[in-house]
Amino acid sequence: EEAFEFKTEMEDVLSYTAPYVDEAVDRM
């Protein structure tokens, strides 16, 4: 379950652009 939650956050990091990427990285 946690691995899939990580995957979701990683996908967000790979799709975001600044300024939101820092927040996404923190969640990842």
mmCIF file of all heavy atoms, coordinates in Angstrom:
data_MODEL
# 
_entry.id   MODEL 
# 
loop_
_atom_site.group_PDB 
_atom_site.id 
_atom_site.type_symbol 
_atom_site.label_atom_id 
_atom_site.label_alt_id 
_atom_site.label_comp_id 
_atom_site.label_asym_id 
_atom_site.label_entity_id 
_atom_site.label_seq_id 
_atom_site.pdbx_PDB_ins_code 
_atom_site.Cartn_x 
_atom_site.Cartn_y 
_atom_site.Cartn_z 
_atom_site.occupancy 
_atom_site.B_iso_or_equiv 
_atom_site.pdbx_formal_charge 
_atom_site.auth_seq_id 
_atom_site.auth_comp_id 
_atom_site.auth_asym_id 
_atom_site.auth_atom_id 
_atom_site.pdbx_PDB_model_num 
ATOM 1   N N   . GLU A 1 1  ? 0.840  -1.209 0.000   1.00 0.00 ? 1  GLU A N   1 
ATOM 2   C CA  . GLU A 1 1  ? 0.000  0.000  0.000   1.00 0.00 ? 1  GLU A CA  1 
ATOM 3   C C   . GLU A 1 1  ? 0.873  1.257  0.000   1.00 0.00 ? 1  GLU A C   1 
ATOM 4   O O   . GLU A 1 1  ? 0.644  2.183  -0.783  1.00 0.00 ? 1  GLU A O   1 
ATOM 5   C CB  . GLU A 1 1  ? -0.909 -0.017 1.224   1.00 0.00 ? 1  GLU A CB  1 
ATOM 6   C CG  . GLU A 1 1  ? -1.749 1.223  1.404   1.00 0.00 ? 1  GLU A CG  1 
ATOM 7   C CD  . GLU A 1 1  ? -2.510 1.211  2.724   1.00 0.00 ? 1  GLU A CD  1 
ATOM 8   O OE1 . GLU A 1 1  ? -2.905 0.133  3.202   1.00 0.00 ? 1  GLU A OE1 1 
ATOM 9   O OE2 . GLU A 1 1  ? -2.705 2.314  3.285   1.00 0.00 ? 1  GLU A OE2 1 
ATOM 10  N N   . GLU A 1 2  ? 1.872  1.280  0.872   1.00 0.00 ? 2  GLU A N   1 
ATOM 11  C CA  . GLU A 1 2  ? 2.747  2.452  0.961   1.00 0.00 ? 2  GLU A CA  1 
ATOM 12  C C   . GLU A 1 2  ? 3.584  2.613  -0.305  1.00 0.00 ? 2  GLU A C   1 
ATOM 13  O O   . GLU A 1 2  ? 3.834  3.740  -0.752  1.00 0.00 ? 2  GLU A O   1 
ATOM 14  C CB  . GLU A 1 2  ? 3.645  2.362  2.191   1.00 0.00 ? 2  GLU A CB  1 
ATOM 15  C CG  . GLU A 1 2  ? 2.910  2.419  3.512   1.00 0.00 ? 2  GLU A CG  1 
ATOM 16  C CD  . GLU A 1 2  ? 2.149  3.716  3.755   1.00 0.00 ? 2  GLU A CD  1 
ATOM 17  O OE1 . GLU A 1 2  ? 2.373  4.725  3.041   1.00 0.00 ? 2  GLU A OE1 1 
ATOM 18  O OE2 . GLU A 1 2  ? 1.325  3.728  4.689   1.00 0.00 ? 2  GLU A OE2 1 
ATOM 19  N N   . ALA A 1 3  ? 4.010  1.508  -0.905  1.00 0.00 ? 3  ALA A N   1 
ATOM 20  C CA  . ALA A 1 3  ? 4.775  1.591  -2.149  1.00 0.00 ? 3  ALA A CA  1 
ATOM 21  C C   . ALA A 1 3  ? 3.934  2.224  -3.261  1.00 0.00 ? 3  ALA A C   1 
ATOM 22  O O   . ALA A 1 3  ? 4.437  3.048  -4.035  1.00 0.00 ? 3  ALA A O   1 
ATOM 23  C CB  . ALA A 1 3  ? 5.265  0.203  -2.562  1.00 0.00 ? 3  ALA A CB  1 
ATOM 24  N N   . PHE A 1 4  ? 2.660  1.878  -3.334  1.00 0.00 ? 4  PHE A N   1 
ATOM 25  C CA  . PHE A 1 4  ? 1.787  2.486  -4.342  1.00 0.00 ? 4  PHE A CA  1 
ATOM 26  C C   . PHE A 1 4  ? 1.514  3.956  -4.039  1.00 0.00 ? 4  PHE A C   1 
ATOM 27  O O   . PHE A 1 4  ? 1.406  4.768  -4.961  1.00 0.00 ? 4  PHE A O   1 
ATOM 28  C CB  . PHE A 1 4  ? 0.487  1.696  -4.489  1.00 0.00 ? 4  PHE A CB  1 
ATOM 29  C CG  . PHE A 1 4  ? 0.627  0.521  -5.419  1.00 0.00 ? 4  PHE A CG  1 
ATOM 30  C CD1 . PHE A 1 4  ? 0.741  -0.759 -4.912  1.00 0.00 ? 4  PHE A CD1 1 
ATOM 31  C CD2 . PHE A 1 4  ? 0.663  0.704  -6.795  1.00 0.00 ? 4  PHE A CD2 1 
ATOM 32  C CE1 . PHE A 1 4  ? 0.888  -1.850 -5.765  1.00 0.00 ? 4  PHE A CE1 1 
ATOM 33  C CE2 . PHE A 1 4  ? 0.815  -0.374 -7.660  1.00 0.00 ? 4  PHE A CE2 1 
ATOM 34  C CZ  . PHE A 1 4  ? 0.931  -1.654 -7.136  1.00 0.00 ? 4  PHE A CZ  1 
ATOM 35  N N   . GLU A 1 5  ? 1.425  4.318  -2.763  1.00 0.00 ? 5  GLU A N   1 
ATOM 36  C CA  . GLU A 1 5  ? 1.277  5.728  -2.412  1.00 0.00 ? 5  GLU A CA  1 
ATOM 37  C C   . GLU A 1 5  ? 2.530  6.505  -2.824  1.00 0.00 ? 5  GLU A C   1 
ATOM 38  O O   . GLU A 1 5  ? 2.431  7.627  -3.332  1.00 0.00 ? 5  GLU A O   1 
ATOM 39  C CB  . GLU A 1 5  ? 0.984  5.883  -0.924  1.00 0.00 ? 5  GLU A CB  1 
ATOM 40  C CG  . GLU A 1 5  ? -0.415 5.432  -0.555  1.00 0.00 ? 5  GLU A CG  1 
ATOM 41  C CD  . GLU A 1 5  ? -0.712 5.533  0.932   1.00 0.00 ? 5  GLU A CD  1 
ATOM 42  O OE1 . GLU A 1 5  ? 0.057  6.174  1.677   1.00 0.00 ? 5  GLU A OE1 1 
ATOM 43  O OE2 . GLU A 1 5  ? -1.743 4.951  1.354   1.00 0.00 ? 5  GLU A OE2 1 
ATOM 44  N N   . PHE A 1 6  ? 3.700  5.897  -2.629  1.00 0.00 ? 6  PHE A N   1 
ATOM 45  C CA  . PHE A 1 6  ? 4.932  6.528  -3.085  1.00 0.00 ? 6  PHE A CA  1 
ATOM 46  C C   . PHE A 1 6  ? 4.900  6.711  -4.598  1.00 0.00 ? 6  PHE A C   1 
ATOM 47  O O   . PHE A 1 6  ? 5.256  7.774  -5.118  1.00 0.00 ? 6  PHE A O   1 
ATOM 48  C CB  . PHE A 1 6  ? 6.159  5.703  -2.681  1.00 0.00 ? 6  PHE A CB  1 
ATOM 49  C CG  . PHE A 1 6  ? 7.416  6.198  -3.324  1.00 0.00 ? 6  PHE A CG  1 
ATOM 50  C CD1 . PHE A 1 6  ? 8.067  7.312  -2.839  1.00 0.00 ? 6  PHE A CD1 1 
ATOM 51  C CD2 . PHE A 1 6  ? 7.921  5.570  -4.449  1.00 0.00 ? 6  PHE A CD2 1 
ATOM 52  C CE1 . PHE A 1 6  ? 9.215  7.798  -3.452  1.00 0.00 ? 6  PHE A CE1 1 
ATOM 53  C CE2 . PHE A 1 6  ? 9.063  6.039  -5.074  1.00 0.00 ? 6  PHE A CE2 1 
ATOM 54  C CZ  . PHE A 1 6  ? 9.710  7.151  -4.575  1.00 0.00 ? 6  PHE A CZ  1 
ATOM 55  N N   . LYS A 1 7  ? 4.470  5.682  -5.311  1.00 0.00 ? 7  LYS A N   1 
ATOM 56  C CA  . LYS A 1 7  ? 4.409  5.753  -6.772  1.00 0.00 ? 7  LYS A CA  1 
ATOM 57  C C   . LYS A 1 7  ? 3.544  6.922  -7.231  1.00 0.00 ? 7  LYS A C   1 
ATOM 58  O O   . LYS A 1 7  ? 3.905  7.659  -8.148  1.00 0.00 ? 7  LYS A O   1 
ATOM 59  C CB  . LYS A 1 7  ? 3.867  4.440  -7.344  1.00 0.00 ? 7  LYS A CB  1 
ATOM 60  C CG  . LYS A 1 7  ? 3.745  4.413  -8.861  1.00 0.00 ? 7  LYS A CG  1 
ATOM 61  C CD  . LYS A 1 7  ? 3.115  3.114  -9.331  1.00 0.00 ? 7  LYS A CD  1 
ATOM 62  C CE  . LYS A 1 7  ? 2.996  3.029  -10.828 1.00 0.00 ? 7  LYS A CE  1 
ATOM 63  N NZ  . LYS A 1 7  ? 2.084  3.977  -11.428 1.00 0.00 ? 7  LYS A NZ  1 
ATOM 64  N N   . THR A 1 8  ? 2.408  7.106  -6.578  1.00 0.00 ? 8  THR A N   1 
ATOM 65  C CA  . THR A 1 8  ? 1.515  8.217  -6.921  1.00 0.00 ? 8  THR A CA  1 
ATOM 66  C C   . THR A 1 8  ? 2.218  9.554  -6.733  1.00 0.00 ? 8  THR A C   1 
ATOM 67  O O   . THR A 1 8  ? 2.158  10.434 -7.604  1.00 0.00 ? 8  THR A O   1 
ATOM 68  C CB  . THR A 1 8  ? 0.234  8.158  -6.065  1.00 0.00 ? 8  THR A CB  1 
ATOM 69  O OG1 . THR A 1 8  ? -0.447 6.930  -6.351  1.00 0.00 ? 8  THR A OG1 1 
ATOM 70  C CG2 . THR A 1 8  ? -0.683 9.332  -6.341  1.00 0.00 ? 8  THR A CG2 1 
ATOM 71  N N   . GLU A 1 9  ? 2.896  9.708  -5.596  1.00 0.00 ? 9  GLU A N   1 
ATOM 72  C CA  . GLU A 1 9  ? 3.601  10.968 -5.335  1.00 0.00 ? 9  GLU A CA  1 
ATOM 73  C C   . GLU A 1 9  ? 4.766  11.157 -6.301  1.00 0.00 ? 9  GLU A C   1 
ATOM 74  O O   . GLU A 1 9  ? 5.020  12.275 -6.756  1.00 0.00 ? 9  GLU A O   1 
ATOM 75  C CB  . GLU A 1 9  ? 4.085  11.020 -3.889  1.00 0.00 ? 9  GLU A CB  1 
ATOM 76  C CG  . GLU A 1 9  ? 2.972  11.053 -2.869  1.00 0.00 ? 9  GLU A CG  1 
ATOM 77  C CD  . GLU A 1 9  ? 2.010  12.225 -3.005  1.00 0.00 ? 9  GLU A CD  1 
ATOM 78  O OE1 . GLU A 1 9  ? 2.391  13.277 -3.586  1.00 0.00 ? 9  GLU A OE1 1 
ATOM 79  O OE2 . GLU A 1 9  ? 0.866  12.093 -2.541  1.00 0.00 ? 9  GLU A OE2 1 
ATOM 80  N N   . MET A 1 10 ? 5.473  10.082 -6.649  1.00 0.00 ? 10 MET A N   1 
ATOM 81  C CA  . MET A 1 10 ? 6.576  10.174 -7.597  1.00 0.00 ? 10 MET A CA  1 
ATOM 82  C C   . MET A 1 10 ? 6.063  10.631 -8.960  1.00 0.00 ? 10 MET A C   1 
ATOM 83  O O   . MET A 1 10 ? 6.667  11.489 -9.615  1.00 0.00 ? 10 MET A O   1 
ATOM 84  C CB  . MET A 1 10 ? 7.283  8.825  -7.722  1.00 0.00 ? 10 MET A CB  1 
ATOM 85  C CG  . MET A 1 10 ? 8.471  8.855  -8.653  1.00 0.00 ? 10 MET A CG  1 
ATOM 86  S SD  . MET A 1 10 ? 9.232  7.229  -8.867  1.00 0.00 ? 10 MET A SD  1 
ATOM 87  C CE  . MET A 1 10 ? 7.972  6.371  -9.809  1.00 0.00 ? 10 MET A CE  1 
ATOM 88  N N   . GLU A 1 11 ? 4.930  10.099 -9.379  1.00 0.00 ? 11 GLU A N   1 
ATOM 89  C CA  . GLU A 1 11 ? 4.346  10.513 -10.655 1.00 0.00 ? 11 GLU A CA  1 
ATOM 90  C C   . GLU A 1 11 ? 3.993  11.996 -10.624 1.00 0.00 ? 11 GLU A C   1 
ATOM 91  O O   . GLU A 1 11 ? 4.177  12.701 -11.618 1.00 0.00 ? 11 GLU A O   1 
ATOM 92  C CB  . GLU A 1 11 ? 3.118  9.663  -10.970 1.00 0.00 ? 11 GLU A CB  1 
ATOM 93  C CG  . GLU A 1 11 ? 3.482  8.241  -11.354 1.00 0.00 ? 11 GLU A CG  1 
ATOM 94  C CD  . GLU A 1 11 ? 2.279  7.309  -11.448 1.00 0.00 ? 11 GLU A CD  1 
ATOM 95  O OE1 . GLU A 1 11 ? 1.183  7.663  -10.953 1.00 0.00 ? 11 GLU A OE1 1 
ATOM 96  O OE2 . GLU A 1 11 ? 2.456  6.210  -12.002 1.00 0.00 ? 11 GLU A OE2 1 
ATOM 97  N N   . ASP A 1 12 ? 3.509  12.458 -9.466  1.00 0.00 ? 12 ASP A N   1 
ATOM 98  C CA  . ASP A 1 12 ? 3.209  13.892 -9.328  1.00 0.00 ? 12 ASP A CA  1 
ATOM 99  C C   . ASP A 1 12 ? 4.480  14.718 -9.479  1.00 0.00 ? 12 ASP A C   1 
ATOM 100 O O   . ASP A 1 12 ? 4.490  15.742 -10.173 1.00 0.00 ? 12 ASP A O   1 
ATOM 101 C CB  . ASP A 1 12 ? 2.548  14.193 -7.984  1.00 0.00 ? 12 ASP A CB  1 
ATOM 102 C CG  . ASP A 1 12 ? 1.087  13.804 -7.939  1.00 0.00 ? 12 ASP A CG  1 
ATOM 103 O OD1 . ASP A 1 12 ? 0.523  13.453 -9.001  1.00 0.00 ? 12 ASP A OD1 1 
ATOM 104 O OD2 . ASP A 1 12 ? 0.504  13.841 -6.842  1.00 0.00 ? 12 ASP A OD2 1 
ATOM 105 N N   . VAL A 1 13 ? 5.558  14.289 -8.823  1.00 0.00 ? 13 VAL A N   1 
ATOM 106 C CA  . VAL A 1 13 ? 6.821  15.029 -8.906  1.00 0.00 ? 13 VAL A CA  1 
ATOM 107 C C   . VAL A 1 13 ? 7.285  15.106 -10.354 1.00 0.00 ? 13 VAL A C   1 
ATOM 108 O O   . VAL A 1 13 ? 7.724  16.157 -10.817 1.00 0.00 ? 13 VAL A O   1 
ATOM 109 C CB  . VAL A 1 13 ? 7.911  14.370 -8.023  1.00 0.00 ? 13 VAL A CB  1 
ATOM 110 C CG1 . VAL A 1 13 ? 9.298  14.889 -8.369  1.00 0.00 ? 13 VAL A CG1 1 
ATOM 111 C CG2 . VAL A 1 13 ? 7.605  14.597 -6.552  1.00 0.00 ? 13 VAL A CG2 1 
ATOM 112 N N   . LEU A 1 14 ? 7.162  14.011 -11.075 1.00 0.00 ? 14 LEU A N   1 
ATOM 113 C CA  . LEU A 1 14 ? 7.629  13.989 -12.456 1.00 0.00 ? 14 LEU A CA  1 
ATOM 114 C C   . LEU A 1 14 ? 6.761  14.826 -13.385 1.00 0.00 ? 14 LEU A C   1 
ATOM 115 O O   . LEU A 1 14 ? 7.203  15.208 -14.470 1.00 0.00 ? 14 LEU A O   1 
ATOM 116 C CB  . LEU A 1 14 ? 7.713  12.545 -12.952 1.00 0.00 ? 14 LEU A CB  1 
ATOM 117 C CG  . LEU A 1 14 ? 8.727  11.667 -12.194 1.00 0.00 ? 14 LEU A CG  1 
ATOM 118 C CD1 . LEU A 1 14 ? 8.634  10.225 -12.686 1.00 0.00 ? 14 LEU A CD1 1 
ATOM 119 C CD2 . LEU A 1 14 ? 10.136 12.203 -12.324 1.00 0.00 ? 14 LEU A CD2 1 
ATOM 120 N N   . SER A 1 15 ? 5.547  15.142 -12.958 1.00 0.00 ? 15 SER A N   1 
ATOM 121 C CA  . SER A 1 15 ? 4.644  15.906 -13.828 1.00 0.00 ? 15 SER A CA  1 
ATOM 122 C C   . SER A 1 15 ? 4.539  17.384 -13.447 1.00 0.00 ? 15 SER A C   1 
ATOM 123 O O   . SER A 1 15 ? 4.096  18.189 -14.244 1.00 0.00 ? 15 SER A O   1 
ATOM 124 C CB  . SER A 1 15 ? 3.247  15.275 -13.816 1.00 0.00 ? 15 SER A CB  1 
ATOM 125 O OG  . SER A 1 15 ? 2.646  15.435 -12.542 1.00 0.00 ? 15 SER A OG  1 
ATOM 126 N N   . TYR A 1 16 ? 4.949  17.749 -12.225 1.00 0.00 ? 16 TYR A N   1 
ATOM 127 C CA  . TYR A 1 16 ? 4.828  19.134 -11.778 1.00 0.00 ? 16 TYR A CA  1 
ATOM 128 C C   . TYR A 1 16 ? 5.947  20.008 -12.301 1.00 0.00 ? 16 TYR A C   1 
ATOM 129 O O   . TYR A 1 16 ? 7.038  19.549 -12.610 1.00 0.00 ? 16 TYR A O   1 
ATOM 130 C CB  . TYR A 1 16 ? 4.845  19.229 -10.244 1.00 0.00 ? 16 TYR A CB  1 
ATOM 131 C CG  . TYR A 1 16 ? 3.528  18.943 -9.580  1.00 0.00 ? 16 TYR A CG  1 
ATOM 132 C CD1 . TYR A 1 16 ? 3.469  18.094 -8.490  1.00 0.00 ? 16 TYR A CD1 1 
ATOM 133 C CD2 . TYR A 1 16 ? 2.355  19.518 -10.024 1.00 0.00 ? 16 TYR A CD2 1 
ATOM 134 C CE1 . TYR A 1 16 ? 2.268  17.824 -7.857  1.00 0.00 ? 16 TYR A CE1 1 
ATOM 135 C CE2 . TYR A 1 16 ? 1.151  19.262 -9.411  1.00 0.00 ? 16 TYR A CE2 1 
ATOM 136 C CZ  . TYR A 1 16 ? 1.117  18.407 -8.324  1.00 0.00 ? 16 TYR A CZ  1 
ATOM 137 O OH  . TYR A 1 16 ? -0.071 18.146 -7.708  1.00 0.00 ? 16 TYR A OH  1 
ATOM 138 N N   . THR A 1 17 ? 5.635  21.299 -12.348 1.00 0.00 ? 17 THR A N   1 
ATOM 139 C CA  . THR A 1 17 ? 6.648  22.309 -12.613 1.00 0.00 ? 17 THR A CA  1 
ATOM 140 C C   . THR A 1 17 ? 6.643  23.281 -11.440 1.00 0.00 ? 17 THR A C   1 
ATOM 141 O O   . THR A 1 17 ? 5.685  23.321 -10.660 1.00 0.00 ? 17 THR A O   1 
ATOM 142 C CB  . THR A 1 17 ? 6.347  23.065 -13.918 1.00 0.00 ? 17 THR A CB  1 
ATOM 143 O OG1 . THR A 1 17 ? 5.041  23.638 -13.843 1.00 0.00 ? 17 THR A OG1 1 
ATOM 144 C CG2 . THR A 1 17 ? 6.423  22.136 -15.123 1.00 0.00 ? 17 THR A CG2 1 
ATOM 145 N N   . ALA A 1 18 ? 7.688  24.055 -11.309 1.00 0.00 ? 18 ALA A N   1 
ATOM 146 C CA  . ALA A 1 18 ? 7.785  25.031 -10.212 1.00 0.00 ? 18 ALA A CA  1 
ATOM 147 C C   . ALA A 1 18 ? 6.559  25.930 -10.251 1.00 0.00 ? 18 ALA A C   1 
ATOM 148 O O   . ALA A 1 18 ? 6.017  26.197 -11.312 1.00 0.00 ? 18 ALA A O   1 
ATOM 149 C CB  . ALA A 1 18 ? 9.057  25.843 -10.357 1.00 0.00 ? 18 ALA A CB  1 
ATOM 150 N N   . PRO A 1 19 ? 6.038  26.393 -9.141  1.00 0.00 ? 19 PRO A N   1 
ATOM 151 C CA  . PRO A 1 19 ? 6.558  26.292 -7.771  1.00 0.00 ? 19 PRO A CA  1 
ATOM 152 C C   . PRO A 1 19 ? 6.028  25.065 -7.017  1.00 0.00 ? 19 PRO A C   1 
ATOM 153 O O   . PRO A 1 19 ? 6.349  24.875 -5.861  1.00 0.00 ? 19 PRO A O   1 
ATOM 154 C CB  . PRO A 1 19 ? 6.042  27.560 -7.114  1.00 0.00 ? 19 PRO A CB  1 
ATOM 155 C CG  . PRO A 1 19 ? 4.714  27.775 -7.764  1.00 0.00 ? 19 PRO A CG  1 
ATOM 156 C CD  . PRO A 1 19 ? 4.894  27.292 -9.188  1.00 0.00 ? 19 PRO A CD  1 
ATOM 157 N N   . TYR A 1 20 ? 5.222  24.235 -7.647  1.00 0.00 ? 20 TYR A N   1 
ATOM 158 C CA  . TYR A 1 20 ? 4.569  23.137 -6.940  1.00 0.00 ? 20 TYR A CA  1 
ATOM 159 C C   . TYR A 1 20 ? 5.468  21.924 -6.731  1.00 0.00 ? 20 TYR A C   1 
ATOM 160 O O   . TYR A 1 20 ? 5.161  21.066 -5.918  1.00 0.00 ? 20 TYR A O   1 
ATOM 161 C CB  . TYR A 1 20 ? 3.300  22.710 -7.677  1.00 0.00 ? 20 TYR A CB  1 
ATOM 162 C CG  . TYR A 1 20 ? 2.336  23.847 -7.854  1.00 0.00 ? 20 TYR A CG  1 
ATOM 163 C CD1 . TYR A 1 20 ? 2.146  24.438 -9.091  1.00 0.00 ? 20 TYR A CD1 1 
ATOM 164 C CD2 . TYR A 1 20 ? 1.635  24.352 -6.765  1.00 0.00 ? 20 TYR A CD2 1 
ATOM 165 C CE1 . TYR A 1 20 ? 1.272  25.497 -9.247  1.00 0.00 ? 20 TYR A CE1 1 
ATOM 166 C CE2 . TYR A 1 20 ? 0.764  25.420 -6.909  1.00 0.00 ? 20 TYR A CE2 1 
ATOM 167 C CZ  . TYR A 1 20 ? 0.593  25.987 -8.154  1.00 0.00 ? 20 TYR A CZ  1 
ATOM 168 O OH  . TYR A 1 20 ? -0.270 27.032 -8.293  1.00 0.00 ? 20 TYR A OH  1 
ATOM 169 N N   . VAL A 1 21 ? 6.575  21.855 -7.449  1.00 0.00 ? 21 VAL A N   1 
ATOM 170 C CA  . VAL A 1 21 ? 7.412  20.670 -7.388  1.00 0.00 ? 21 VAL A CA  1 
ATOM 171 C C   . VAL A 1 21 ? 7.993  20.459 -5.983  1.00 0.00 ? 21 VAL A C   1 
ATOM 172 O O   . VAL A 1 21 ? 8.111  19.328 -5.528  1.00 0.00 ? 21 VAL A O   1 
ATOM 173 C CB  . VAL A 1 21 ? 8.503  20.686 -8.469  1.00 0.00 ? 21 VAL A CB  1 
ATOM 174 C CG1 . VAL A 1 21 ? 9.566  21.722 -8.181  1.00 0.00 ? 21 VAL A CG1 1 
ATOM 175 C CG2 . VAL A 1 21 ? 9.103  19.315 -8.659  1.00 0.00 ? 21 VAL A CG2 1 
ATOM 176 N N   . ASP A 1 22 ? 8.339  21.523 -5.277  1.00 0.00 ? 22 ASP A N   1 
ATOM 177 C CA  . ASP A 1 22 ? 8.905  21.367 -3.928  1.00 0.00 ? 22 ASP A CA  1 
ATOM 178 C C   . ASP A 1 22 ? 7.926  20.700 -2.978  1.00 0.00 ? 22 ASP A C   1 
ATOM 179 O O   . ASP A 1 22 ? 8.310  19.828 -2.199  1.00 0.00 ? 22 ASP A O   1 
ATOM 180 C CB  . ASP A 1 22 ? 9.342  22.718 -3.360  1.00 0.00 ? 22 ASP A CB  1 
ATOM 181 C CG  . ASP A 1 22 ? 10.565 23.289 -4.076  1.00 0.00 ? 22 ASP A CG  1 
ATOM 182 O OD1 . ASP A 1 22 ? 11.287 22.513 -4.729  1.00 0.00 ? 22 ASP A OD1 1 
ATOM 183 O OD2 . ASP A 1 22 ? 10.781 24.508 -3.975  1.00 0.00 ? 22 ASP A OD2 1 
ATOM 184 N N   . GLU A 1 23 ? 6.665  21.088 -3.055  1.00 0.00 ? 23 GLU A N   1 
ATOM 185 C CA  . GLU A 1 23 ? 5.636  20.464 -2.216  1.00 0.00 ? 23 GLU A CA  1 
ATOM 186 C C   . GLU A 1 23 ? 5.468  18.992 -2.593  1.00 0.00 ? 23 GLU A C   1 
ATOM 187 O O   . GLU A 1 23 ? 5.311  18.131 -1.730  1.00 0.00 ? 23 GLU A O   1 
ATOM 188 C CB  . GLU A 1 23 ? 4.302  21.192 -2.371  1.00 0.00 ? 23 GLU A CB  1 
ATOM 189 C CG  . GLU A 1 23 ? 4.326  22.612 -1.839  1.00 0.00 ? 23 GLU A CG  1 
ATOM 190 C CD  . GLU A 1 23 ? 3.081  23.389 -2.230  1.00 0.00 ? 23 GLU A CD  1 
ATOM 191 O OE1 . GLU A 1 23 ? 2.069  22.775 -2.619  1.00 0.00 ? 23 GLU A OE1 1 
ATOM 192 O OE2 . GLU A 1 23 ? 3.134  24.627 -2.154  1.00 0.00 ? 23 GLU A OE2 1 
ATOM 193 N N   . ALA A 1 24 ? 5.498  18.706 -3.873  1.00 0.00 ? 24 ALA A N   1 
ATOM 194 C CA  . ALA A 1 24 ? 5.348  17.330 -4.340  1.00 0.00 ? 24 ALA A CA  1 
ATOM 195 C C   . ALA A 1 24 ? 6.538  16.480 -3.894  1.00 0.00 ? 24 ALA A C   1 
ATOM 196 O O   . ALA A 1 24 ? 6.368  15.325 -3.492  1.00 0.00 ? 24 ALA A O   1 
ATOM 197 C CB  . ALA A 1 24 ? 5.193  17.297 -5.858  1.00 0.00 ? 24 ALA A CB  1 
ATOM 198 N N   . VAL A 1 25 ? 7.727  17.044 -3.945  1.00 0.00 ? 25 VAL A N   1 
ATOM 199 C CA  . VAL A 1 25 ? 8.925  16.314 -3.501  1.00 0.00 ? 25 VAL A CA  1 
ATOM 200 C C   . VAL A 1 25 ? 8.820  16.008 -2.010  1.00 0.00 ? 25 VAL A C   1 
ATOM 201 O O   . VAL A 1 25 ? 9.150  14.905 -1.571  1.00 0.00 ? 25 VAL A O   1 
ATOM 202 C CB  . VAL A 1 25 ? 10.215 17.103 -3.827  1.00 0.00 ? 25 VAL A CB  1 
ATOM 203 C CG1 . VAL A 1 25 ? 11.418 16.515 -3.100  1.00 0.00 ? 25 VAL A CG1 1 
ATOM 204 C CG2 . VAL A 1 25 ? 10.461 17.129 -5.328  1.00 0.00 ? 25 VAL A CG2 1 
ATOM 205 N N   . ASP A 1 26 ? 8.344  16.968 -1.224  1.00 0.00 ? 26 ASP A N   1 
ATOM 206 C CA  . ASP A 1 26 ? 8.165  16.731 0.215   1.00 0.00 ? 26 ASP A CA  1 
ATOM 207 C C   . ASP A 1 26 ? 7.186  15.589 0.465   1.00 0.00 ? 26 ASP A C   1 
ATOM 208 O O   . ASP A 1 26 ? 7.433  14.731 1.321   1.00 0.00 ? 26 ASP A O   1 
ATOM 209 C CB  . ASP A 1 26 ? 7.682  17.996 0.920   1.00 0.00 ? 26 ASP A CB  1 
ATOM 210 C CG  . ASP A 1 26 ? 8.761  19.055 1.036   1.00 0.00 ? 26 ASP A CG  1 
ATOM 211 O OD1 . ASP A 1 26 ? 9.960  18.734 0.855   1.00 0.00 ? 26 ASP A OD1 1 
ATOM 212 O OD2 . ASP A 1 26 ? 8.409  20.223 1.313   1.00 0.00 ? 26 ASP A OD2 1 
ATOM 213 N N   . ARG A 1 27 ? 6.094  15.550 -0.285  1.00 0.00 ? 27 ARG A N   1 
ATOM 214 C CA  . ARG A 1 27 ? 5.118  14.459 -0.130  1.00 0.00 ? 27 ARG A CA  1 
ATOM 215 C C   . ARG A 1 27 ? 5.728  13.120 -0.557  1.00 0.00 ? 27 ARG A C   1 
ATOM 216 O O   . ARG A 1 27 ? 5.509  12.089 0.079   1.00 0.00 ? 27 ARG A O   1 
ATOM 217 C CB  . ARG A 1 27 ? 3.842  14.757 -0.920  1.00 0.00 ? 27 ARG A CB  1 
ATOM 218 C CG  . ARG A 1 27 ? 2.994  15.867 -0.334  1.00 0.00 ? 27 ARG A CG  1 
ATOM 219 C CD  . ARG A 1 27 ? 1.606  15.939 -0.976  1.00 0.00 ? 27 ARG A CD  1 
ATOM 220 N NE  . ARG A 1 27 ? 1.625  15.958 -2.429  1.00 0.00 ? 27 ARG A NE  1 
ATOM 221 C CZ  . ARG A 1 27 ? 1.733  17.052 -3.173  1.00 0.00 ? 27 ARG A CZ  1 
ATOM 222 N NH1 . ARG A 1 27 ? 1.846  18.238 -2.607  1.00 0.00 ? 27 ARG A NH1 1 
ATOM 223 N NH2 . ARG A 1 27 ? 1.721  16.976 -4.489  1.00 0.00 ? 27 ARG A NH2 1 
ATOM 224 N N   . MET A 1 28 ? 6.521  13.152 -1.631  1.00 0.00 ? 28 MET A N   1 
ATOM 225 C CA  . MET A 1 28 ? 7.170  11.933 -2.108  1.00 0.00 ? 28 MET A CA  1 
ATOM 226 C C   . MET A 1 28 ? 8.151  11.412 -1.055  1.00 0.00 ? 28 MET A C   1 
ATOM 227 O O   . MET A 1 28 ? 8.189  10.212 -0.772  1.00 0.00 ? 28 MET A O   1 
ATOM 228 C CB  . MET A 1 28 ? 7.898  12.197 -3.423  1.00 0.00 ? 28 MET A CB  1 
ATOM 229 C CG  . MET A 1 28 ? 8.564  10.965 -4.003  1.00 0.00 ? 28 MET A CG  1 
ATOM 230 S SD  . MET A 1 28 ? 9.449  11.273 -5.555  1.00 0.00 ? 28 MET A SD  1 
ATOM 231 C CE  . MET A 1 28 ? 10.799 12.297 -4.987  1.00 0.00 ? 28 MET A CE  1 
# 
